[in-house]
Amino acid sequence: MKKLIMSAVALTLISFATVQANPGAEITSALTVNQDKVSVKPEDLPAAVKATINSEAFAGWKVVEAFLVTGDDKTQYYDLSVMKGKETARVKLDKNGRNVE
């Protein structure tokens, strides 16, 4: 009797885990977005983007790598890799130098 109950509990847990795994996979595939990334030299960034990076909020940070990213909906933003000493970060700014999330 004990083995039967334990088997039933184990089977229930395995079924629950299987059901929980499927919705996550669907969400991941639903969030796939095609984007076009083009490398941009830091010195060729728009003046507004440069002004934001040179502002007090980014004091000491230097652009190491930059990309112009275009989404399926034709929206564009600059994906910047910045460095301050040994610390690195990624910043996304639109052409007007405003944060993009």
PDB file of N, CA and C in Angstrom:
ATOM      1  N   MET A   1       0.820  -1.191   0.000  1.00  0.00           N
ATOM      2  CA  MET A   1       0.000   0.000   0.000  1.00  0.00           C
ATOM      3  C   MET A   1       0.871   1.265   0.000  1.00  0.00           C
ATOM      4  N   LYS A   2       1.943   1.243   0.814  1.00  0.00           N
ATOM      5  CA  LYS A   2       2.844   2.381   0.886  1.00  0.00           C
ATOM      6  C   LYS A   2       3.495   2.641  -0.472  1.00  0.00           C
ATOM      7  N   LYS A   3       3.923   1.570  -1.140  1.00  0.00           N
ATOM      8  CA  LYS A   3       4.564   1.708  -2.435  1.00  0.00           C
ATOM      9  C   LYS A   3       3.589   2.283  -3.462  1.00  0.00           C
ATOM     10  N   LEU A   4       2.344   1.886  -3.385  1.00  0.00           N
ATOM     11  CA  LEU A   4       1.331   2.376  -4.311  1.00  0.00           C
ATOM     12  C   LEU A   4       1.107   3.880  -4.118  1.00  0.00           C
ATOM     13  N   ILE A   5       1.037   4.311  -2.883  1.00  0.00           N
ATOM     14  CA  ILE A   5       0.824   5.730  -2.583  1.00  0.00           C
ATOM     15  C   ILE A   5       2.046   6.541  -3.027  1.00  0.00           C
ATOM     16  N   MET A   6       3.247   6.045  -2.721  1.00  0.00           N
ATOM     17  CA  MET A   6       4.468   6.752  -3.111  1.00  0.00           C
ATOM     18  C   MET A   6       4.591   6.835  -4.636  1.00  0.00           C
ATOM     19  N   SER A   7       4.206   5.768  -5.329  1.00  0.00           N
ATOM     20  CA  SER A   7       4.240   5.772  -6.790  1.00  0.00           C
ATOM     21  C   SER A   7       3.260   6.797  -7.353  1.00  0.00           C
ATOM     22  N   ALA A   8       2.088   6.876  -6.753  1.00  0.00           N
ATOM     23  CA  ALA A   8       1.081   7.834  -7.199  1.00  0.00           C
ATOM     24  C   ALA A   8       1.571   9.271  -6.988  1.00  0.00           C
ATOM     25  N   VAL A   9       2.208   9.530  -5.837  1.00  0.00           N
ATOM     26  CA  VAL A   9       2.739  10.855  -5.540  1.00  0.00           C
ATOM     27  C   VAL A   9       3.854  11.198  -6.537  1.00  0.00           C
ATOM     28  N   ALA A  10       4.761  10.264  -6.781  1.00  0.00           N
ATOM     29  CA  ALA A  10       5.857  10.497  -7.717  1.00  0.00           C
ATOM     30  C   ALA A  10       5.318  10.773  -9.121  1.00  0.00           C
ATOM     31  N   LEU A  11       4.346  10.005  -9.554  1.00  0.00           N
ATOM     32  CA  LEU A  11       3.756  10.203 -10.875  1.00  0.00           C
ATOM     33  C   LEU A  11       3.084  11.576 -10.977  1.00  0.00           C
ATOM     34  N   THR A  12       2.420  11.991  -9.915  1.00  0.00           N
ATOM     35  CA  THR A  12       1.772  13.300  -9.889  1.00  0.00           C
ATOM     36  C   THR A  12       2.805  14.418  -9.992  1.00  0.00           C
ATOM     37  N   LEU A  13       3.902  14.305  -9.250  1.00  0.00           N
ATOM     38  CA  LEU A  13       4.949  15.319  -9.289  1.00  0.00           C
ATOM     39  C   LEU A  13       5.601  15.408 -10.658  1.00  0.00           C
ATOM     40  N   ILE A  14       5.852  14.269 -11.279  1.00  0.00           N
ATOM     41  CA  ILE A  14       6.445  14.250 -12.613  1.00  0.00           C
ATOM     42  C   ILE A  14       5.488  14.885 -13.616  1.00  0.00           C
ATOM     43  N   SER A  15       4.209  14.588 -13.519  1.00  0.00           N
ATOM     44  CA  SER A  15       3.214  15.175 -14.420  1.00  0.00           C
ATOM     45  C   SER A  15       3.147  16.681 -14.238  1.00  0.00           C
ATOM     46  N   PHE A  16       3.189  17.139 -12.991  1.00  0.00           N
ATOM     47  CA  PHE A  16       3.141  18.575 -12.694  1.00  0.00           C
ATOM     48  C   PHE A  16       4.359  19.275 -13.285  1.00  0.00           C
ATOM     49  N   ALA A  17       5.534  18.695 -13.138  1.00  0.00           N
ATOM     50  CA  ALA A  17       6.756  19.295 -13.668  1.00  0.00           C
ATOM     51  C   ALA A  17       6.696  19.382 -15.188  1.00  0.00           C
ATOM     52  N   THR A  18       6.152  18.383 -15.838  1.00  0.00           N
ATOM     53  CA  THR A  18       6.040  18.381 -17.289  1.00  0.00           C
ATOM     54  C   THR A  18       5.080  19.461 -17.758  1.00  0.00           C
ATOM     55  N   VAL A  19       3.957  19.621 -17.088  1.00  0.00           N
ATOM     56  CA  VAL A  19       2.976  20.636 -17.455  1.00  0.00           C
ATOM     57  C   VAL A  19       3.566  22.027 -17.258  1.00  0.00           C
ATOM     58  N   GLN A  20       4.334  22.245 -16.200  1.00  0.00           N
ATOM     59  CA  GLN A  20       4.911  23.555 -15.928  1.00  0.00           C
ATOM     60  C   GLN A  20       5.984  23.923 -16.943  1.00  0.00           C
ATOM     61  N   ALA A  21       6.679  22.957 -17.506  1.00  0.00           N
ATOM     62  CA  ALA A  21       7.762  23.247 -18.439  1.00  0.00           C
ATOM     63  C   ALA A  21       7.242  23.765 -19.782  1.00  0.00           C
ATOM     64  N   ASN A  22       6.101  23.310 -20.240  1.00  0.00           N
ATOM     65  CA  ASN A  22       5.606  23.681 -21.559  1.00  0.00           C
ATOM     66  C   ASN A  22       5.237  25.152 -21.707  1.00  0.00           C
ATOM     67  N   PRO A  23       4.537  25.783 -20.757  1.00  0.00           N
ATOM     68  CA  PRO A  23       4.201  27.190 -20.964  1.00  0.00           C
ATOM     69  C   PRO A  23       5.430  28.085 -21.078  1.00  0.00           C
ATOM     70  N   GLY A  24       6.477  27.818 -20.341  1.00  0.00           N
ATOM     71  CA  GLY A  24       7.696  28.622 -20.418  1.00  0.00           C
ATOM     72  C   GLY A  24       8.301  28.582 -21.807  1.00  0.00           C
ATOM     73  N   ALA A  25       8.274  27.409 -22.422  1.00  0.00           N
ATOM     74  CA  ALA A  25       8.832  27.269 -23.765  1.00  0.00           C
ATOM     75  C   ALA A  25       8.023  28.087 -24.765  1.00  0.00           C
ATOM     76  N   GLU A  26       6.705  28.114 -24.590  1.00  0.00           N
ATOM     77  CA  GLU A  26       5.859  28.880 -25.496  1.00  0.00           C
ATOM     78  C   GLU A  26       6.121  30.371 -25.357  1.00  0.00           C
ATOM     79  N   ILE A  27       6.296  30.837 -24.131  1.00  0.00           N
ATOM     80  CA  ILE A  27       6.550  32.255 -23.895  1.00  0.00           C
ATOM     81  C   ILE A  27       7.874  32.650 -24.520  1.00  0.00           C
ATOM     82  N   THR A  28       8.899  31.827 -24.353  1.00  0.00           N
ATOM     83  CA  THR A  28      10.211  32.134 -24.912  1.00  0.00           C
ATOM     84  C   THR A  28      10.128  32.281 -26.422  1.00  0.00           C
ATOM     85  N   SER A  29       9.442  31.366 -27.081  1.00  0.00           N
ATOM     86  CA  SER A  29       9.355  31.443 -28.534  1.00  0.00           C
ATOM     87  C   SER A  29       8.488  32.617 -28.976  1.00  0.00           C
ATOM     88  N   ALA A  30       7.523  33.013 -28.162  1.00  0.00           N
ATOM     89  CA  ALA A  30       6.662  34.133 -28.518  1.00  0.00           C
ATOM     90  C   ALA A  30       7.411  35.456 -28.427  1.00  0.00           C
ATOM     91  N   LEU A  31       8.477  35.519 -27.623  1.00  0.00           N
ATOM     92  CA  LEU A  31       9.216  36.756 -27.432  1.00  0.00           C
ATOM     93  C   LEU A  31      10.381  36.927 -28.396  1.00  0.00           C
ATOM     94  N   THR A  32      10.539  36.005 -29.318  1.00  0.00           N
ATOM     95  CA  THR A  32      11.630  36.106 -30.284  1.00  0.00           C
ATOM     96  C   THR A  32      11.376  37.290 -31.213  1.00  0.00           C
ATOM     97  N   VAL A  33      12.370  38.173 -31.307  1.00  0.00           N
ATOM     98  CA  VAL A  33      12.256  39.359 -32.155  1.00  0.00           C
ATOM     99  C   VAL A  33      13.483  39.420 -33.055  1.00  0.00           C
ATOM    100  N   ASN A  34      13.259  39.634 -34.326  1.00  0.00           N
ATOM    101  CA  ASN A  34      14.380  39.790 -35.251  1.00  0.00           C
ATOM    102  C   ASN A  34      14.892  41.216 -35.182  1.00  0.00           C
ATOM    103  N   GLN A  35      16.197  41.336 -35.065  1.00  0.00           N
ATOM    104  CA  GLN A  35      16.805  42.656 -35.008  1.00  0.00           C
ATOM    105  C   GLN A  35      18.012  42.683 -35.935  1.00  0.00           C
ATOM    106  N   ASP A  36      18.254  43.845 -36.491  1.00  0.00           N
ATOM    107  CA  ASP A  36      19.397  44.057 -37.355  1.00  0.00           C
ATOM    108  C   ASP A  36      20.396  44.915 -36.588  1.00  0.00           C
ATOM    109  N   LYS A  37      21.634  44.438 -36.426  1.00  0.00           N
ATOM    110  CA  LYS A  37      22.675  45.173 -35.704  1.00  0.00           C
ATOM    111  C   LYS A  37      23.781  45.564 -36.669  1.00  0.00           C
ATOM    112  N   VAL A  38      24.100  46.860 -36.678  1.00  0.00           N
ATOM    113  CA  VAL A  38      25.163  47.371 -37.529  1.00  0.00           C
ATOM    114  C   VAL A  38      26.189  48.054 -36.633  1.00  0.00           C
ATOM    115  N   SER A  39      27.432  47.680 -36.793  1.00  0.00           N
ATOM    116  CA  SER A  39      28.503  48.272 -36.002  1.00  0.00           C
ATOM    117  C   SER A  39      28.675  49.745 -36.365  1.00  0.00           C
ATOM    118  N   VAL A  40      28.888  50.565 -35.320  1.00  0.00           N
ATOM    119  CA  VAL A  40      29.084  52.009 -35.505  1.00  0.00           C
ATOM    120  C   VAL A  40      30.334  52.407 -34.732  1.00  0.00           C
ATOM    121  N   LYS A  41      31.192  53.209 -35.348  1.00  0.00           N
ATOM    122  CA  LYS A  41      32.368  53.706 -34.641  1.00  0.00           C
ATOM    123  C   LYS A  41      31.903  54.704 -33.585  1.00  0.00           C
ATOM    124  N   PRO A  42      32.462  54.646 -32.370  1.00  0.00           N
ATOM    125  CA  PRO A  42      32.038  55.584 -31.322  1.00  0.00           C
ATOM    126  C   PRO A  42      32.091  57.048 -31.754  1.00  0.00           C
ATOM    127  N   GLU A  43      33.082  57.398 -32.562  1.00  0.00           N
ATOM    128  CA  GLU A  43      33.186  58.798 -33.011  1.00  0.00           C
ATOM    129  C   GLU A  43      32.094  59.172 -34.018  1.00  0.00           C
ATOM    130  N   ASP A  44      31.417  58.166 -34.606  1.00  0.00           N
ATOM    131  CA  ASP A  44      30.357  58.427 -35.580  1.00  0.00           C
ATOM    132  C   ASP A  44      28.960  58.431 -34.960  1.00  0.00           C
ATOM    133  N   LEU A  45      28.860  58.321 -33.643  1.00  0.00           N
ATOM    134  CA  LEU A  45      27.554  58.344 -32.975  1.00  0.00           C
ATOM    135  C   LEU A  45      26.930  59.734 -33.122  1.00  0.00           C
ATOM    136  N   PRO A  46      25.593  59.821 -33.116  1.00  0.00           N
ATOM    137  CA  PRO A  46      24.933  61.125 -33.204  1.00  0.00           C
ATOM    138  C   PRO A  46      25.345  62.038 -32.042  1.00  0.00           C
ATOM    139  N   ALA A  47      25.294  63.336 -32.289  1.00  0.00           N
ATOM    140  CA  ALA A  47      25.708  64.319 -31.287  1.00  0.00           C
ATOM    141  C   ALA A  47      24.931  64.156 -29.976  1.00  0.00           C
ATOM    142  N   ALA A  48      23.638  63.858 -30.052  1.00  0.00           N
ATOM    143  CA  ALA A  48      22.819  63.715 -28.841  1.00  0.00           C
ATOM    144  C   ALA A  48      23.276  62.511 -28.005  1.00  0.00           C
ATOM    145  N   VAL A  49      23.660  61.426 -28.676  1.00  0.00           N
ATOM    146  CA  VAL A  49      24.145  60.233 -27.968  1.00  0.00           C
ATOM    147  C   VAL A  49      25.487  60.552 -27.307  1.00  0.00           C
ATOM    148  N   LYS A  50      26.363  61.232 -28.048  1.00  0.00           N
ATOM    149  CA  LYS A  50      27.660  61.631 -27.494  1.00  0.00           C
ATOM    150  C   LYS A  50      27.468  62.554 -26.293  1.00  0.00           C
ATOM    151  N   ALA A  51      26.508  63.475 -26.393  1.00  0.00           N
ATOM    152  CA  ALA A  51      26.256  64.413 -25.292  1.00  0.00           C
ATOM    153  C   ALA A  51      25.810  63.662 -24.037  1.00  0.00           C
ATOM    154  N   THR A  52      24.967  62.650 -24.213  1.00  0.00           N
ATOM    155  CA  THR A  52      24.516  61.860 -23.062  1.00  0.00           C
ATOM    156  C   THR A  52      25.684  61.123 -22.434  1.00  0.00           C
ATOM    157  N   ILE A  53      26.512  60.488 -23.241  1.00  0.00           N
ATOM    158  CA  ILE A  53      27.667  59.742 -22.728  1.00  0.00           C
ATOM    159  C   ILE A  53      28.674  60.681 -22.063  1.00  0.00           C
ATOM    160  N   ASN A  54      28.781  61.900 -22.550  1.00  0.00           N
ATOM    161  CA  ASN A  54      29.717  62.866 -21.968  1.00  0.00           C
ATOM    162  C   ASN A  54      29.112  63.659 -20.809  1.00  0.00           C
ATOM    163  N   SER A  55      27.859  63.383 -20.466  1.00  0.00           N
ATOM    164  CA  SER A  55      27.195  64.111 -19.380  1.00  0.00           C
ATOM    165  C   SER A  55      27.706  63.631 -18.020  1.00  0.00           C
ATOM    166  N   GLU A  56      27.314  64.355 -16.990  1.00  0.00           N
ATOM    167  CA  GLU A  56      27.724  64.039 -15.626  1.00  0.00           C
ATOM    168  C   GLU A  56      27.262  62.636 -15.200  1.00  0.00           C
ATOM    169  N   ALA A  57      26.116  62.189 -15.709  1.00  0.00           N
ATOM    170  CA  ALA A  57      25.587  60.868 -15.359  1.00  0.00           C
ATOM    171  C   ALA A  57      26.520  59.740 -15.792  1.00  0.00           C
ATOM    172  N   PHE A  58      27.316  59.973 -16.848  1.00  0.00           N
ATOM    173  CA  PHE A  58      28.242  58.960 -17.357  1.00  0.00           C
ATOM    174  C   PHE A  58      29.702  59.368 -17.159  1.00  0.00           C
ATOM    175  N   ALA A  59      29.952  60.197 -16.174  1.00  0.00           N
ATOM    176  CA  ALA A  59      31.313  60.689 -15.930  1.00  0.00           C
ATOM    177  C   ALA A  59      32.291  59.524 -15.779  1.00  0.00           C
ATOM    178  N   GLY A  60      33.358  59.544 -16.572  1.00  0.00           N
ATOM    179  CA  GLY A  60      34.394  58.523 -16.494  1.00  0.00           C
ATOM    180  C   GLY A  60      34.152  57.307 -17.372  1.00  0.00           C
ATOM    181  N   TRP A  61      32.975  57.177 -17.964  1.00  0.00           N
ATOM    182  CA  TRP A  61      32.664  56.042 -18.828  1.00  0.00           C
ATOM    183  C   TRP A  61      33.089  56.337 -20.255  1.00  0.00           C
ATOM    184  N   LYS A  62      33.609  55.320 -20.940  1.00  0.00           N
ATOM    185  CA  LYS A  62      34.062  55.453 -22.320  1.00  0.00           C
ATOM    186  C   LYS A  62      33.358  54.400 -23.177  1.00  0.00           C
ATOM    187  N   VAL A  63      32.912  54.800 -24.365  1.00  0.00           N
ATOM    188  CA  VAL A  63      32.272  53.858 -25.290  1.00  0.00           C
ATOM    189  C   VAL A  63      33.353  52.981 -25.903  1.00  0.00           C
ATOM    190  N   VAL A  64      33.205  51.665 -25.732  1.00  0.00           N
ATOM    191  CA  VAL A  64      34.157  50.698 -26.251  1.00  0.00           C
ATOM    192  C   VAL A  64      33.663  50.121 -27.575  1.00  0.00           C
ATOM    193  N   GLU A  65      32.360  49.901 -27.658  1.00  0.00           N
ATOM    194  CA  GLU A  65      31.758  49.283 -28.839  1.00  0.00           C
ATOM    195  C   GLU A  65      30.345  49.834 -28.983  1.00  0.00           C
ATOM    196  N   ALA A  66      29.908  50.052 -30.217  1.00  0.00           N
ATOM    197  CA  ALA A  66      28.572  50.603 -30.457  1.00  0.00           C
ATOM    198  C   ALA A  66      27.914  49.909 -31.648  1.00  0.00           C
ATOM    199  N   PHE A  67      26.609  49.706 -31.539  1.00  0.00           N
ATOM    200  CA  PHE A  67      25.817  49.110 -32.614  1.00  0.00           C
ATOM    201  C   PHE A  67      24.540  49.915 -32.789  1.00  0.00           C
ATOM    202  N   LEU A  68      24.102  50.066 -34.018  1.00  0.00           N
ATOM    203  CA  LEU A  68      22.786  50.616 -34.320  1.00  0.00           C
ATOM    204  C   LEU A  68      21.878  49.413 -34.522  1.00  0.00           C
ATOM    205  N   VAL A  69      20.862  49.299 -33.688  1.00  0.00           N
ATOM    206  CA  VAL A  69      19.955  48.161 -33.736  1.00  0.00           C
ATOM    207  C   VAL A  69      18.614  48.623 -34.298  1.00  0.00           C
ATOM    208  N   THR A  70      18.118  47.884 -35.299  1.00  0.00           N
ATOM    209  CA  THR A  70      16.825  48.174 -35.906  1.00  0.00           C
ATOM    210  C   THR A  70      15.915  46.978 -35.670  1.00  0.00           C
ATOM    211  N   GLY A  71      14.765  47.209 -35.033  1.00  0.00           N
ATOM    212  CA  GLY A  71      13.806  46.146 -34.751  1.00  0.00           C
ATOM    213  C   GLY A  71      12.884  45.908 -35.932  1.00  0.00           C
ATOM    214  N   ASP A  72      12.069  44.855 -35.818  1.00  0.00           N
ATOM    215  CA  ASP A  72      11.101  44.539 -36.870  1.00  0.00           C
ATOM    216  C   ASP A  72      10.137  45.693 -37.134  1.00  0.00           C
ATOM    217  N   ASP A  73       9.838  46.454 -36.081  1.00  0.00           N
ATOM    218  CA  ASP A  73       8.909  47.573 -36.224  1.00  0.00           C
ATOM    219  C   ASP A  73       9.620  48.850 -36.706  1.00  0.00           C
ATOM    220  N   LYS A  74      10.876  48.711 -37.142  1.00  0.00           N
ATOM    221  CA  LYS A  74      11.702  49.793 -37.700  1.00  0.00           C
ATOM    222  C   LYS A  74      12.172  50.807 -36.659  1.00  0.00           C
ATOM    223  N   THR A  75      11.935  50.540 -35.365  1.00  0.00           N
ATOM    224  CA  THR A  75      12.478  51.424 -34.337  1.00  0.00           C
ATOM    225  C   THR A  75      13.975  51.178 -34.235  1.00  0.00           C
ATOM    226  N   GLN A  76      14.711  52.222 -33.932  1.00  0.00           N
ATOM    227  CA  GLN A  76      16.167  52.113 -33.855  1.00  0.00           C
ATOM    228  C   GLN A  76      16.665  52.642 -32.518  1.00  0.00           C
ATOM    229  N   TYR A  77      17.754  52.041 -32.054  1.00  0.00           N
ATOM    230  CA  TYR A  77      18.447  52.531 -30.868  1.00  0.00           C
ATOM    231  C   TYR A  77      19.910  52.136 -30.965  1.00  0.00           C
ATOM    232  N   TYR A  78      20.730  52.779 -30.149  1.00  0.00           N
ATOM    233  CA  TYR A  78      22.158  52.490 -30.113  1.00  0.00           C
ATOM    234  C   TYR A  78      22.443  51.618 -28.896  1.00  0.00           C
ATOM    235  N   ASP A  79      23.041  50.469 -29.131  1.00  0.00           N
ATOM    236  CA  ASP A  79      23.441  49.537 -28.077  1.00  0.00           C
ATOM    237  C   ASP A  79      24.932  49.767 -27.834  1.00  0.00           C
ATOM    238  N   LEU A  80      25.259  50.338 -26.684  1.00  0.00           N
ATOM    239  CA  LEU A  80      26.634  50.727 -26.398  1.00  0.00           C
ATOM    240  C   LEU A  80      27.243  49.871 -25.301  1.00  0.00           C
ATOM    241  N   SER A  81      28.467  49.431 -25.515  1.00  0.00           N
ATOM    242  CA  SER A  81      29.262  48.805 -24.458  1.00  0.00           C
ATOM    243  C   SER A  81      30.167  49.900 -23.927  1.00  0.00           C
ATOM    244  N   VAL A  82      30.068  50.170 -22.622  1.00  0.00           N
ATOM    245  CA  VAL A  82      30.871  51.237 -22.027  1.00  0.00           C
ATOM    246  C   VAL A  82      31.749  50.662 -20.931  1.00  0.00           C
ATOM    247  N   MET A  83      32.860  51.367 -20.660  1.00  0.00           N
ATOM    248  CA  MET A  83      33.829  50.874 -19.679  1.00  0.00           C
ATOM    249  C   MET A  83      34.315  52.041 -18.823  1.00  0.00           C
ATOM    250  N   LYS A  84      34.480  51.746 -17.533  1.00  0.00           N
ATOM    251  CA  LYS A  84      35.037  52.710 -16.582  1.00  0.00           C
ATOM    252  C   LYS A  84      36.013  51.922 -15.716  1.00  0.00           C
ATOM    253  N   GLY A  85      37.294  52.080 -15.980  1.00  0.00           N
ATOM    254  CA  GLY A  85      38.288  51.254 -15.301  1.00  0.00           C
ATOM    255  C   GLY A  85      38.123  49.814 -15.751  1.00  0.00           C
ATOM    256  N   LYS A  86      37.894  48.905 -14.797  1.00  0.00           N
ATOM    257  CA  LYS A  86      37.664  47.494 -15.122  1.00  0.00           C
ATOM    258  C   LYS A  86      36.175  47.160 -15.194  1.00  0.00           C
ATOM    259  N   GLU A  87      35.329  48.117 -14.852  1.00  0.00           N
ATOM    260  CA  GLU A  87      33.883  47.911 -14.845  1.00  0.00           C
ATOM    261  C   GLU A  87      33.311  48.130 -16.245  1.00  0.00           C
ATOM    262  N   THR A  88      32.405  47.247 -16.660  1.00  0.00           N
ATOM    263  CA  THR A  88      31.762  47.378 -17.967  1.00  0.00           C
ATOM    264  C   THR A  88      30.250  47.401 -17.788  1.00  0.00           C
ATOM    265  N   ALA A  89      29.569  47.983 -18.770  1.00  0.00           N
ATOM    266  CA  ALA A  89      28.107  48.037 -18.738  1.00  0.00           C
ATOM    267  C   ALA A  89      27.595  48.171 -20.163  1.00  0.00           C
ATOM    268  N   ARG A  90      26.298  47.946 -20.321  1.00  0.00           N
ATOM    269  CA  ARG A  90      25.629  48.127 -21.614  1.00  0.00           C
ATOM    270  C   ARG A  90      24.597  49.219 -21.450  1.00  0.00           C
ATOM    271  N   VAL A  91      24.533  50.084 -22.429  1.00  0.00           N
ATOM    272  CA  VAL A  91      23.599  51.204 -22.414  1.00  0.00           C
ATOM    273  C   VAL A  91      22.854  51.212 -23.740  1.00  0.00           C
ATOM    274  N   LYS A  92      21.545  51.423 -23.681  1.00  0.00           N
ATOM    275  CA  LYS A  92      20.742  51.526 -24.896  1.00  0.00           C
ATOM    276  C   LYS A  92      20.147  52.928 -24.943  1.00  0.00           C
ATOM    277  N   LEU A  93      20.481  53.662 -25.995  1.00  0.00           N
ATOM    278  CA  LEU A  93      20.015  55.031 -26.162  1.00  0.00           C
ATOM    279  C   LEU A  93      19.390  55.215 -27.538  1.00  0.00           C
ATOM    280  N   ASP A  94      18.332  56.038 -27.600  1.00  0.00           N
ATOM    281  CA  ASP A  94      17.771  56.354 -28.914  1.00  0.00           C
ATOM    282  C   ASP A  94      18.608  57.458 -29.566  1.00  0.00           C
ATOM    283  N   LYS A  95      18.239  57.883 -30.754  1.00  0.00           N
ATOM    284  CA  LYS A  95      19.041  58.872 -31.490  1.00  0.00           C
ATOM    285  C   LYS A  95      19.079  60.226 -30.800  1.00  0.00           C
ATOM    286  N   ASN A  96      18.142  60.441 -29.860  1.00  0.00           N
ATOM    287  CA  ASN A  96      18.109  61.701 -29.101  1.00  0.00           C
ATOM    288  C   ASN A  96      18.860  61.601 -27.784  1.00  0.00           C
ATOM    289  N   GLY A  97      19.517  60.448 -27.557  1.00  0.00           N
ATOM    290  CA  GLY A  97      20.322  60.273 -26.336  1.00  0.00           C
ATOM    291  C   GLY A  97      19.521  59.871 -25.114  1.00  0.00           C
ATOM    292  N   ARG A  98      18.264  59.482 -25.308  1.00  0.00           N
ATOM    293  CA  ARG A  98      17.420  59.057 -24.186  1.00  0.00           C
ATOM    294  C   ARG A  98      17.504  57.547 -23.992  1.00  0.00           C
ATOM    295  N   ASN A  99      17.404  57.119 -22.727  1.00  0.00           N
ATOM    296  CA  ASN A  99      17.436  55.691 -22.393  1.00  0.00           C
ATOM    297  C   ASN A  99      16.309  54.933 -23.086  1.00  0.00           C
ATOM    298  N   VAL A 100      16.630  53.747 -23.556  1.00  0.00           N
ATOM    299  CA  VAL A 100      15.655  52.847 -24.164  1.00  0.00           C
ATOM    300  C   VAL A 100      15.607  51.599 -23.313  1.00  0.00           C
ATOM    301  N   GLU A 101      14.423  51.120 -23.027  1.00  0.00           N
ATOM    302  CA  GLU A 101      14.310  49.896 -22.225  1.00  0.00           C
ATOM    303  C   GLU A 101      13.777  48.762 -23.001  1.00  0.00           C
TER     304      GLU A 101
END
